[in-house]
N, C-alpha and C. Protein backbone atom coordinates (compact mmCIF):
# COMPACT_ATOMS: atom_id res chain seq x y z
N MET A 1 116.92 112.28 71.13
CA MET A 1 117.23 112.56 72.53
C MET A 1 117.87 111.33 73.16
N LYS A 2 118.98 111.51 73.85
CA LYS A 2 119.67 110.41 74.50
C LYS A 2 119.03 110.13 75.86
N ASN A 3 119.16 108.88 76.27
CA ASN A 3 118.68 108.45 77.59
C ASN A 3 117.18 108.64 77.78
N ILE A 4 116.42 108.64 76.69
CA ILE A 4 114.97 108.75 76.75
C ILE A 4 114.35 107.53 76.09
N THR A 5 113.45 106.86 76.81
CA THR A 5 112.70 105.75 76.23
C THR A 5 111.21 106.04 76.38
N ILE A 6 110.52 106.18 75.25
CA ILE A 6 109.06 106.34 75.25
C ILE A 6 108.49 105.02 74.75
N LEU A 7 107.75 104.32 75.59
CA LEU A 7 107.37 102.95 75.26
C LEU A 7 106.35 102.86 74.11
N ASN A 8 105.28 103.64 74.16
CA ASN A 8 104.28 103.60 73.09
C ASN A 8 103.88 102.17 72.75
N HIS A 9 103.54 101.41 73.79
CA HIS A 9 103.17 100.00 73.64
C HIS A 9 101.64 99.87 73.56
N PRO A 10 101.11 99.05 72.64
CA PRO A 10 99.66 98.98 72.48
C PRO A 10 98.89 98.67 73.75
N VAL A 11 99.36 97.72 74.57
CA VAL A 11 98.63 97.37 75.79
C VAL A 11 98.72 98.49 76.81
N ILE A 12 99.91 99.09 76.93
CA ILE A 12 100.07 100.23 77.84
C ILE A 12 99.19 101.38 77.39
N ASN A 13 99.17 101.65 76.09
CA ASN A 13 98.34 102.74 75.56
C ASN A 13 96.87 102.50 75.87
N HIS A 14 96.44 101.25 75.79
CA HIS A 14 95.04 100.91 76.09
C HIS A 14 94.69 101.28 77.53
N HIS A 15 95.54 100.87 78.47
CA HIS A 15 95.28 101.20 79.87
C HIS A 15 95.42 102.70 80.11
N LEU A 16 96.38 103.33 79.45
CA LEU A 16 96.60 104.77 79.64
C LEU A 16 95.40 105.57 79.17
N SER A 17 94.72 105.11 78.13
CA SER A 17 93.53 105.83 77.66
C SER A 17 92.46 105.89 78.74
N ARG A 18 92.38 104.83 79.56
CA ARG A 18 91.42 104.83 80.66
C ARG A 18 91.86 105.78 81.77
N LEU A 19 93.16 105.90 82.01
CA LEU A 19 93.64 106.87 83.00
C LEU A 19 93.33 108.29 82.56
N ARG A 20 93.42 108.54 81.27
CA ARG A 20 93.18 109.89 80.76
C ARG A 20 91.70 110.29 80.85
N ASP A 21 90.80 109.33 80.75
CA ASP A 21 89.36 109.59 80.71
C ASP A 21 88.90 110.18 82.05
N LYS A 22 88.31 111.35 82.00
CA LYS A 22 87.89 112.03 83.24
C LYS A 22 86.78 111.29 83.97
N HIS A 23 86.12 110.34 83.30
CA HIS A 23 85.04 109.59 83.93
C HIS A 23 85.53 108.35 84.67
N THR A 24 86.81 108.02 84.56
CA THR A 24 87.36 106.86 85.25
C THR A 24 87.44 107.14 86.75
N ASP A 25 86.85 106.26 87.55
CA ASP A 25 86.82 106.49 89.00
C ASP A 25 88.14 106.06 89.66
N GLU A 26 88.25 106.30 90.97
CA GLU A 26 89.50 106.07 91.67
C GLU A 26 89.92 104.60 91.65
N ALA A 27 88.96 103.71 91.84
CA ALA A 27 89.29 102.29 91.90
C ALA A 27 89.87 101.81 90.57
N GLU A 28 89.22 102.18 89.47
CA GLU A 28 89.73 101.77 88.17
C GLU A 28 91.05 102.47 87.86
N PHE A 29 91.17 103.73 88.26
CA PHE A 29 92.42 104.47 88.02
C PHE A 29 93.59 103.75 88.68
N ARG A 30 93.43 103.37 89.94
CA ARG A 30 94.51 102.68 90.64
C ARG A 30 94.82 101.33 90.00
N MET A 31 93.78 100.60 89.59
CA MET A 31 93.98 99.30 88.97
C MET A 31 94.76 99.43 87.66
N ARG A 32 94.34 100.36 86.80
CA ARG A 32 95.01 100.55 85.50
C ARG A 32 96.44 101.06 85.70
N LEU A 33 96.63 101.94 86.66
CA LEU A 33 97.96 102.45 86.94
C LEU A 33 98.89 101.31 87.36
N ASP A 34 98.39 100.43 88.21
CA ASP A 34 99.18 99.28 88.65
C ASP A 34 99.55 98.40 87.46
N MET A 35 98.62 98.16 86.57
CA MET A 35 98.90 97.33 85.39
C MET A 35 99.98 97.95 84.52
N ILE A 36 99.86 99.24 84.26
CA ILE A 36 100.85 99.92 83.42
C ILE A 36 102.24 99.82 84.04
N CYS A 37 102.31 100.10 85.34
CA CYS A 37 103.62 100.09 86.01
C CYS A 37 104.27 98.72 85.95
N LYS A 38 103.47 97.67 86.15
CA LYS A 38 104.04 96.33 86.11
C LYS A 38 104.49 95.96 84.70
N LEU A 39 103.78 96.41 83.69
CA LEU A 39 104.23 96.19 82.32
C LEU A 39 105.53 96.94 82.03
N MET A 40 105.66 98.14 82.58
CA MET A 40 106.84 98.95 82.33
C MET A 40 108.09 98.44 83.04
N VAL A 41 107.90 97.64 84.10
CA VAL A 41 109.05 97.14 84.86
C VAL A 41 110.02 96.39 83.95
N TYR A 42 109.51 95.68 82.97
CA TYR A 42 110.39 94.91 82.08
C TYR A 42 111.35 95.82 81.33
N GLU A 43 110.89 96.99 80.91
CA GLU A 43 111.76 97.93 80.22
C GLU A 43 112.73 98.60 81.20
N ILE A 44 112.23 98.96 82.35
CA ILE A 44 113.06 99.66 83.34
C ILE A 44 114.22 98.80 83.82
N THR A 45 113.97 97.50 83.92
CA THR A 45 114.97 96.62 84.54
C THR A 45 115.76 95.78 83.54
N LYS A 46 115.57 95.99 82.26
CA LYS A 46 116.16 95.08 81.27
C LYS A 46 117.68 95.11 81.24
N ASP A 47 118.31 96.18 81.72
CA ASP A 47 119.77 96.26 81.68
C ASP A 47 120.40 96.21 83.08
N LEU A 48 119.66 95.73 84.07
CA LEU A 48 120.24 95.60 85.41
C LEU A 48 121.39 94.60 85.38
N PRO A 49 122.45 94.86 86.13
CA PRO A 49 123.60 93.93 86.13
C PRO A 49 123.25 92.59 86.78
N GLU A 50 123.86 91.54 86.24
CA GLU A 50 123.63 90.19 86.75
C GLU A 50 124.96 89.54 87.12
N LYS A 51 124.85 88.46 87.89
CA LYS A 51 126.01 87.62 88.16
C LYS A 51 125.55 86.17 88.16
N LYS A 52 126.52 85.26 87.99
CA LYS A 52 126.21 83.84 87.96
C LYS A 52 126.38 83.23 89.35
N VAL A 53 125.45 82.38 89.72
CA VAL A 53 125.55 81.62 90.97
C VAL A 53 125.20 80.17 90.67
N VAL A 54 125.70 79.28 91.48
CA VAL A 54 125.39 77.86 91.33
C VAL A 54 124.35 77.48 92.37
N ILE A 55 123.25 76.90 91.90
CA ILE A 55 122.20 76.43 92.80
C ILE A 55 121.99 74.93 92.55
N GLU A 56 121.26 74.32 93.46
CA GLU A 56 120.89 72.92 93.27
C GLU A 56 119.41 72.82 92.99
N THR A 57 119.07 72.34 91.82
CA THR A 57 117.68 72.01 91.54
C THR A 57 117.37 70.66 92.18
N PRO A 58 116.13 70.20 92.15
CA PRO A 58 115.86 68.87 92.69
C PRO A 58 116.60 67.74 91.96
N LEU A 59 117.19 68.07 90.79
CA LEU A 59 117.84 67.03 89.99
C LEU A 59 119.35 67.17 89.90
N GLU A 60 119.88 68.42 89.89
CA GLU A 60 121.32 68.60 89.70
C GLU A 60 121.70 70.03 90.03
N LYS A 61 123.01 70.28 90.01
CA LYS A 61 123.50 71.64 90.17
C LYS A 61 123.34 72.39 88.85
N SER A 62 123.08 73.71 88.97
CA SER A 62 122.86 74.51 87.77
C SER A 62 123.40 75.92 87.98
N GLU A 63 124.04 76.45 86.96
CA GLU A 63 124.52 77.84 87.01
C GLU A 63 123.41 78.77 86.53
N GLU A 64 123.01 79.71 87.37
CA GLU A 64 121.89 80.59 87.07
C GLU A 64 122.29 82.05 87.26
N SER A 65 121.46 82.94 86.75
CA SER A 65 121.70 84.38 86.85
C SER A 65 120.83 85.00 87.94
N VAL A 66 121.44 85.88 88.73
CA VAL A 66 120.70 86.66 89.73
C VAL A 66 121.14 88.12 89.59
N LEU A 67 120.35 89.01 90.14
CA LEU A 67 120.69 90.44 90.08
C LEU A 67 121.96 90.71 90.88
N ASN A 68 122.78 91.58 90.34
CA ASN A 68 124.04 91.94 91.00
C ASN A 68 124.05 93.43 91.32
N CYS A 69 123.01 93.89 91.99
CA CYS A 69 122.92 95.30 92.39
C CYS A 69 121.92 95.42 93.51
N ASN A 70 121.99 96.53 94.22
CA ASN A 70 120.99 96.86 95.22
C ASN A 70 119.96 97.78 94.57
N ILE A 71 118.70 97.41 94.67
CA ILE A 71 117.63 98.21 94.09
C ILE A 71 117.09 99.17 95.15
N VAL A 72 117.04 100.44 94.81
CA VAL A 72 116.44 101.45 95.67
C VAL A 72 115.30 102.11 94.88
N VAL A 73 114.09 102.04 95.41
CA VAL A 73 112.92 102.65 94.78
C VAL A 73 112.53 103.88 95.59
N VAL A 74 112.49 105.03 94.92
CA VAL A 74 112.15 106.29 95.59
C VAL A 74 110.93 106.88 94.91
N SER A 75 109.88 107.13 95.67
CA SER A 75 108.68 107.73 95.09
C SER A 75 108.53 109.17 95.56
N ILE A 76 107.99 109.99 94.66
CA ILE A 76 107.66 111.38 94.99
C ILE A 76 106.20 111.39 95.43
N LEU A 77 105.98 111.81 96.68
CA LEU A 77 104.65 111.79 97.26
C LEU A 77 103.74 112.83 96.60
N ARG A 78 102.46 112.53 96.53
CA ARG A 78 101.77 111.28 96.82
C ARG A 78 101.69 110.38 95.59
N ALA A 79 101.79 111.02 94.43
CA ALA A 79 101.41 110.36 93.19
C ALA A 79 102.28 109.17 92.85
N GLY A 80 103.52 109.14 93.36
CA GLY A 80 104.41 108.04 93.02
C GLY A 80 104.21 106.79 93.85
N LEU A 81 103.31 106.82 94.84
CA LEU A 81 103.16 105.69 95.75
C LEU A 81 102.71 104.42 95.04
N ALA A 82 101.74 104.53 94.14
CA ALA A 82 101.25 103.33 93.44
C ALA A 82 102.33 102.76 92.53
N MET A 83 103.13 103.62 91.92
CA MET A 83 104.22 103.15 91.08
C MET A 83 105.25 102.40 91.93
N GLN A 84 105.55 102.95 93.08
CA GLN A 84 106.47 102.31 94.03
C GLN A 84 105.96 100.93 94.41
N GLU A 85 104.69 100.82 94.72
CA GLU A 85 104.12 99.55 95.15
C GLU A 85 104.23 98.50 94.05
N ALA A 86 103.97 98.88 92.81
CA ALA A 86 104.08 97.94 91.69
C ALA A 86 105.50 97.44 91.54
N LEU A 87 106.47 98.33 91.69
CA LEU A 87 107.87 97.94 91.58
C LEU A 87 108.27 96.99 92.70
N VAL A 88 107.89 97.32 93.91
CA VAL A 88 108.31 96.51 95.05
C VAL A 88 107.67 95.12 95.01
N GLN A 89 106.47 95.03 94.46
CA GLN A 89 105.86 93.70 94.33
C GLN A 89 106.70 92.80 93.42
N LEU A 90 107.30 93.37 92.38
CA LEU A 90 108.10 92.58 91.45
C LEU A 90 109.57 92.54 91.84
N LEU A 91 110.00 93.46 92.69
CA LEU A 91 111.38 93.51 93.18
C LEU A 91 111.34 93.55 94.71
N PRO A 92 110.94 92.46 95.34
CA PRO A 92 110.71 92.49 96.79
C PRO A 92 111.95 92.78 97.62
N GLU A 93 113.15 92.61 97.03
CA GLU A 93 114.38 92.91 97.77
C GLU A 93 114.68 94.42 97.81
N ALA A 94 113.93 95.20 97.07
CA ALA A 94 114.22 96.63 96.97
C ALA A 94 114.04 97.33 98.31
N LYS A 95 114.88 98.36 98.52
CA LYS A 95 114.69 99.27 99.63
C LYS A 95 113.96 100.51 99.11
N VAL A 96 113.26 101.20 100.01
CA VAL A 96 112.32 102.23 99.57
C VAL A 96 112.59 103.55 100.27
N GLY A 97 112.54 104.64 99.49
CA GLY A 97 112.63 105.99 100.03
C GLY A 97 111.50 106.86 99.52
N HIS A 98 111.35 108.02 100.13
CA HIS A 98 110.27 108.94 99.74
C HIS A 98 110.76 110.38 99.76
N PHE A 99 110.30 111.16 98.79
CA PHE A 99 110.47 112.60 98.76
C PHE A 99 109.09 113.25 98.73
N GLY A 100 108.94 114.35 99.45
CA GLY A 100 107.69 115.08 99.42
C GLY A 100 107.90 116.52 98.98
N TYR A 101 107.11 116.94 97.99
CA TYR A 101 107.16 118.33 97.51
C TYR A 101 105.73 118.84 97.33
N TYR A 102 105.57 120.13 97.44
CA TYR A 102 104.36 120.76 96.93
C TYR A 102 104.79 121.86 95.97
N ARG A 103 103.91 122.18 95.05
CA ARG A 103 104.23 123.16 94.02
C ARG A 103 103.79 124.55 94.44
N ASP A 104 104.72 125.51 94.40
CA ASP A 104 104.37 126.91 94.59
C ASP A 104 103.58 127.35 93.36
N GLU A 105 102.30 127.69 93.55
CA GLU A 105 101.43 127.97 92.41
C GLU A 105 101.80 129.24 91.66
N GLU A 106 102.60 130.10 92.28
CA GLU A 106 103.01 131.33 91.59
C GLU A 106 104.28 131.10 90.77
N THR A 107 105.27 130.47 91.39
CA THR A 107 106.54 130.27 90.68
C THR A 107 106.58 128.94 89.93
N LEU A 108 105.66 128.00 90.27
CA LEU A 108 105.62 126.64 89.74
C LEU A 108 106.84 125.81 90.17
N LEU A 109 107.61 126.32 91.15
CA LEU A 109 108.80 125.61 91.62
C LEU A 109 108.43 124.67 92.76
N PRO A 110 109.14 123.53 92.89
CA PRO A 110 108.84 122.58 93.98
C PRO A 110 109.41 123.07 95.31
N VAL A 111 108.65 122.83 96.36
CA VAL A 111 109.08 123.14 97.72
C VAL A 111 109.13 121.83 98.49
N LYS A 112 110.31 121.46 99.01
CA LYS A 112 110.46 120.18 99.70
C LYS A 112 109.94 120.27 101.12
N TYR A 113 109.16 119.24 101.53
CA TYR A 113 108.71 119.17 102.92
C TYR A 113 109.08 117.84 103.57
N TYR A 114 109.60 116.88 102.78
CA TYR A 114 109.95 115.58 103.37
C TYR A 114 110.99 114.88 102.50
N ALA A 115 111.94 114.20 103.14
CA ALA A 115 112.92 113.39 102.43
C ALA A 115 113.44 112.31 103.37
N LYS A 116 113.32 111.06 102.96
CA LYS A 116 113.81 109.93 103.75
C LYS A 116 114.30 108.86 102.79
N LEU A 117 115.60 108.51 102.90
CA LEU A 117 116.20 107.56 101.98
C LEU A 117 116.86 106.41 102.74
N PRO A 118 116.87 105.22 102.14
CA PRO A 118 117.71 104.15 102.67
C PRO A 118 119.16 104.40 102.25
N GLU A 119 120.06 103.56 102.70
CA GLU A 119 121.45 103.70 102.31
C GLU A 119 121.60 103.45 100.81
N ILE A 120 122.35 104.31 100.14
CA ILE A 120 122.64 104.16 98.72
C ILE A 120 124.14 103.94 98.58
N THR A 121 124.51 102.86 97.89
CA THR A 121 125.92 102.50 97.72
C THR A 121 126.32 102.61 96.25
N ASN A 122 127.60 102.38 95.98
CA ASN A 122 128.07 102.40 94.59
C ASN A 122 127.43 101.30 93.76
N ASN A 123 126.92 100.28 94.43
CA ASN A 123 126.30 99.15 93.73
C ASN A 123 124.80 99.32 93.57
N SER A 124 124.26 100.48 93.95
CA SER A 124 122.82 100.69 93.91
C SER A 124 122.35 101.16 92.54
N VAL A 125 121.17 100.68 92.15
CA VAL A 125 120.43 101.24 91.02
C VAL A 125 119.17 101.87 91.61
N THR A 126 119.03 103.17 91.43
CA THR A 126 117.91 103.90 92.03
C THR A 126 116.86 104.19 90.98
N ILE A 127 115.61 103.83 91.28
CA ILE A 127 114.49 104.08 90.38
C ILE A 127 113.60 105.14 91.03
N LEU A 128 113.50 106.29 90.38
CA LEU A 128 112.75 107.42 90.91
C LEU A 128 111.38 107.46 90.24
N CYS A 129 110.31 107.37 91.04
CA CYS A 129 108.94 107.24 90.53
C CYS A 129 108.16 108.54 90.65
N ASP A 130 107.68 109.04 89.52
CA ASP A 130 106.79 110.19 89.51
C ASP A 130 105.97 110.09 88.23
N PRO A 131 104.64 109.95 88.32
CA PRO A 131 103.86 109.67 87.11
C PRO A 131 103.87 110.77 86.07
N MET A 132 104.02 112.04 86.49
CA MET A 132 103.92 113.15 85.55
C MET A 132 105.23 113.93 85.49
N LEU A 133 105.88 113.92 84.33
CA LEU A 133 107.06 114.76 84.11
C LEU A 133 106.58 116.00 83.38
N ALA A 134 106.25 117.03 84.14
CA ALA A 134 105.66 118.26 83.58
C ALA A 134 106.75 119.32 83.38
N THR A 135 106.96 120.16 84.38
CA THR A 135 108.01 121.18 84.27
C THR A 135 109.39 120.60 84.52
N GLY A 136 109.45 119.45 85.20
CA GLY A 136 110.73 118.84 85.56
C GLY A 136 111.27 119.33 86.89
N GLY A 137 110.58 120.25 87.54
CA GLY A 137 111.09 120.83 88.78
C GLY A 137 111.27 119.82 89.89
N SER A 138 110.24 119.00 90.14
CA SER A 138 110.32 118.01 91.22
C SER A 138 111.36 116.94 90.92
N LEU A 139 111.42 116.50 89.67
CA LEU A 139 112.41 115.49 89.31
C LEU A 139 113.82 116.04 89.44
N ASN A 140 114.07 117.24 88.98
CA ASN A 140 115.41 117.82 89.08
C ASN A 140 115.82 118.00 90.54
N ALA A 141 114.88 118.46 91.37
CA ALA A 141 115.19 118.61 92.80
C ALA A 141 115.48 117.25 93.43
N SER A 142 114.72 116.24 93.05
CA SER A 142 114.92 114.90 93.58
C SER A 142 116.25 114.32 93.10
N LEU A 143 116.59 114.55 91.86
CA LEU A 143 117.85 114.03 91.32
C LEU A 143 119.04 114.67 92.03
N GLU A 144 118.94 115.94 92.36
CA GLU A 144 120.01 116.59 93.12
C GLU A 144 120.17 115.94 94.49
N LEU A 145 119.05 115.66 95.16
CA LEU A 145 119.10 115.02 96.47
C LEU A 145 119.69 113.60 96.37
N LEU A 146 119.27 112.87 95.34
CA LEU A 146 119.77 111.51 95.18
C LEU A 146 121.27 111.50 94.92
N LYS A 147 121.73 112.38 94.05
CA LYS A 147 123.16 112.42 93.74
C LYS A 147 123.98 112.86 94.96
N SER A 148 123.45 113.78 95.73
CA SER A 148 124.17 114.22 96.93
C SER A 148 124.20 113.12 97.99
N SER A 149 123.28 112.13 97.85
CA SER A 149 123.25 110.99 98.78
C SER A 149 124.06 109.81 98.25
N GLY A 150 124.73 110.00 97.12
CA GLY A 150 125.61 108.96 96.60
C GLY A 150 125.09 108.16 95.44
N ALA A 151 123.89 108.46 94.96
CA ALA A 151 123.33 107.70 93.84
C ALA A 151 124.10 108.01 92.55
N LYS A 152 124.50 106.96 91.84
CA LYS A 152 125.24 107.13 90.60
C LYS A 152 124.47 106.61 89.39
N THR A 153 123.71 105.56 89.57
CA THR A 153 122.87 105.02 88.49
C THR A 153 121.42 105.26 88.85
N ILE A 154 120.77 106.15 88.09
CA ILE A 154 119.40 106.56 88.41
C ILE A 154 118.54 106.43 87.16
N LYS A 155 117.35 105.88 87.36
CA LYS A 155 116.36 105.78 86.29
C LYS A 155 115.11 106.53 86.74
N CYS A 156 114.59 107.42 85.90
CA CYS A 156 113.35 108.12 86.18
C CYS A 156 112.19 107.37 85.52
N PHE A 157 111.23 106.97 86.32
CA PHE A 157 110.10 106.15 85.89
C PHE A 157 108.86 107.03 85.89
N THR A 158 108.35 107.36 84.69
CA THR A 158 107.19 108.25 84.57
C THR A 158 106.13 107.63 83.66
N LEU A 159 104.90 108.09 83.81
CA LEU A 159 103.83 107.64 82.92
C LEU A 159 103.69 108.56 81.71
N VAL A 160 103.54 109.85 81.98
CA VAL A 160 103.29 110.83 80.92
C VAL A 160 104.31 111.95 81.06
N SER A 161 104.96 112.28 79.96
CA SER A 161 105.99 113.33 79.97
C SER A 161 105.65 114.43 78.98
N ALA A 162 106.06 115.64 79.33
CA ALA A 162 105.94 116.78 78.41
C ALA A 162 107.33 117.08 77.84
N PRO A 163 107.40 117.56 76.60
CA PRO A 163 108.70 117.90 76.03
C PRO A 163 109.48 118.88 76.88
N GLU A 164 108.78 119.85 77.49
CA GLU A 164 109.45 120.84 78.33
C GLU A 164 110.12 120.19 79.54
N GLY A 165 109.44 119.21 80.13
CA GLY A 165 110.00 118.53 81.29
C GLY A 165 111.21 117.69 80.95
N ILE A 166 111.12 116.98 79.82
CA ILE A 166 112.25 116.17 79.38
C ILE A 166 113.46 117.05 79.12
N GLU A 167 113.24 118.18 78.45
CA GLU A 167 114.35 119.10 78.17
C GLU A 167 114.95 119.64 79.46
N ALA A 168 114.09 119.97 80.44
CA ALA A 168 114.59 120.51 81.70
C ALA A 168 115.44 119.50 82.45
N VAL A 169 115.01 118.24 82.48
CA VAL A 169 115.77 117.21 83.18
C VAL A 169 117.06 116.90 82.44
N GLN A 170 116.97 116.78 81.12
CA GLN A 170 118.17 116.44 80.35
C GLN A 170 119.22 117.54 80.41
N SER A 171 118.79 118.78 80.49
CA SER A 171 119.75 119.87 80.52
C SER A 171 120.57 119.85 81.80
N GLN A 172 119.98 119.39 82.90
CA GLN A 172 120.68 119.36 84.18
C GLN A 172 121.26 117.99 84.53
N HIS A 173 120.63 116.94 83.99
CA HIS A 173 121.05 115.58 84.36
C HIS A 173 121.08 114.70 83.10
N PRO A 174 121.97 114.97 82.18
CA PRO A 174 122.00 114.19 80.93
C PRO A 174 122.38 112.73 81.13
N ASP A 175 122.93 112.40 82.29
CA ASP A 175 123.35 111.02 82.57
C ASP A 175 122.21 110.15 83.08
N VAL A 176 121.06 110.74 83.36
CA VAL A 176 119.95 110.00 83.96
C VAL A 176 119.01 109.50 82.87
N GLN A 177 118.65 108.23 82.97
CA GLN A 177 117.74 107.62 82.01
C GLN A 177 116.29 107.93 82.39
N ILE A 178 115.49 108.31 81.39
CA ILE A 178 114.06 108.56 81.59
C ILE A 178 113.28 107.51 80.81
N ILE A 179 112.38 106.81 81.50
CA ILE A 179 111.50 105.83 80.84
C ILE A 179 110.07 106.29 81.07
N SER A 180 109.33 106.52 79.98
CA SER A 180 107.97 107.04 80.09
C SER A 180 107.04 106.24 79.19
N ALA A 181 105.78 106.12 79.62
CA ALA A 181 104.80 105.42 78.80
C ALA A 181 104.39 106.24 77.59
N ALA A 182 104.37 107.58 77.73
CA ALA A 182 103.88 108.42 76.65
C ALA A 182 104.54 109.79 76.69
N LEU A 183 104.70 110.39 75.52
CA LEU A 183 105.17 111.77 75.39
C LEU A 183 104.00 112.60 74.90
N ASP A 184 103.52 113.52 75.75
CA ASP A 184 102.38 114.36 75.40
C ASP A 184 102.82 115.64 74.68
N ARG A 185 101.84 116.48 74.35
CA ARG A 185 102.08 117.59 73.44
C ARG A 185 102.84 118.75 74.07
N GLU A 186 102.36 119.25 75.21
CA GLU A 186 102.93 120.49 75.77
C GLU A 186 102.38 120.73 77.16
N LEU A 187 102.89 121.79 77.81
CA LEU A 187 102.34 122.28 79.07
C LEU A 187 101.41 123.45 78.82
N ASN A 188 100.39 123.60 79.67
CA ASN A 188 99.57 124.82 79.58
C ASN A 188 100.20 125.92 80.45
N GLU A 189 99.51 127.05 80.56
CA GLU A 189 100.08 128.20 81.27
C GLU A 189 100.24 127.94 82.77
N LYS A 190 99.54 126.93 83.28
CA LYS A 190 99.67 126.58 84.70
C LYS A 190 100.67 125.46 84.95
N GLY A 191 101.33 125.01 83.89
CA GLY A 191 102.34 123.97 84.04
C GLY A 191 101.78 122.56 84.08
N TYR A 192 100.53 122.36 83.61
CA TYR A 192 99.95 121.03 83.53
C TYR A 192 100.12 120.46 82.13
N ILE A 193 100.29 119.14 82.06
CA ILE A 193 100.53 118.47 80.79
C ILE A 193 99.24 118.39 79.98
N LEU A 194 99.35 118.68 78.68
CA LEU A 194 98.24 118.53 77.74
C LEU A 194 98.58 117.46 76.71
N PRO A 195 97.68 116.50 76.40
CA PRO A 195 96.35 116.34 77.00
C PRO A 195 96.38 115.82 78.43
N GLY A 196 97.44 115.10 78.82
CA GLY A 196 97.61 114.71 80.20
C GLY A 196 96.53 113.80 80.74
N LEU A 197 96.44 113.75 82.07
CA LEU A 197 95.39 112.96 82.73
C LEU A 197 94.94 113.62 84.02
N GLY A 198 95.24 114.91 84.18
CA GLY A 198 94.88 115.61 85.40
C GLY A 198 95.92 115.42 86.48
N ASP A 199 95.54 115.66 87.72
CA ASP A 199 96.43 115.48 88.85
C ASP A 199 96.42 114.00 89.24
N ALA A 200 97.57 113.33 89.04
CA ALA A 200 97.62 111.88 89.26
C ALA A 200 97.36 111.52 90.72
N GLY A 201 97.81 112.34 91.67
CA GLY A 201 97.55 112.07 93.07
C GLY A 201 96.06 112.16 93.40
N ASP A 202 95.42 113.24 92.97
CA ASP A 202 93.99 113.40 93.22
C ASP A 202 93.18 112.31 92.54
N ARG A 203 93.58 111.92 91.34
CA ARG A 203 92.85 110.87 90.61
C ARG A 203 92.96 109.52 91.31
N GLN A 204 94.10 109.24 91.94
CA GLN A 204 94.29 107.97 92.65
C GLN A 204 93.48 107.91 93.92
N PHE A 205 93.48 109.03 94.67
CA PHE A 205 92.96 108.99 96.04
C PHE A 205 91.62 109.68 96.22
N GLY A 206 91.09 110.24 95.15
CA GLY A 206 89.76 110.85 95.23
C GLY A 206 89.73 112.16 95.98
N THR A 207 90.88 112.86 96.01
CA THR A 207 90.95 114.15 96.69
C THR A 207 90.82 115.28 95.65
N VAL A 208 90.59 116.48 96.14
CA VAL A 208 90.45 117.64 95.25
C VAL A 208 91.35 118.75 95.73
C-alpha cells in the first residue's frame, strides 16, 4: 500500500498495550496517549521541508536548518484533542483547527456539527489527528473539507487503523499520507475496530 506507514515500534507498542487494556483508567490513558503521540511526531515530521538560515552563536556565525513550511494541526473532536496537544507542544509555531462529527448509528456515516480552520496556504503542511481509523468516514469527510480549503499536503495521524478504513481513505485520497501506530484486524458489525481500544474519546475523558 502506498502512502501508508505502520510504525510497529517496540516502545510505542508497549504504551499501546496499556491503552488497549480495559482496566486502564483515564489518567493513565491520557498519559500513555501523550507519550505515543510525541514518539510518533518524529515519523510524521521527518520529511518536512527545510531551508538554511545564518545565525550567530555566542562564538561565531553558523548556517543552520529551520522548517520551511507552515504547520497546521487539525483535530477531529473529541478524540483528537490529546494528539493535537502533543503535536503543538513539539511544534509551537503550528496553527490549530478543529472538526466535529458524530456518527449516525444506523448508517455509520459522519455528520458534521463543527468546522473551524486557520488560513491554509500553498506552503502549509496539514496534520489531521484522529486516533481511530475505522470506517474512514470521518477522515474522508475531513479530507474533503481540508482540500476545499486549499490544503495540498496532508498527513493523517492515527493510533490504530483498520484495513477497511485504510482502503476507504486510499480509494478517495490516494495522495494523502497515513501514519499509524498499529494496523488492527478488522471492523465488527457496528464499525468498531477489533481488537481496538474502545472509544478513544470516552476512554480519555471518562464519559460513557
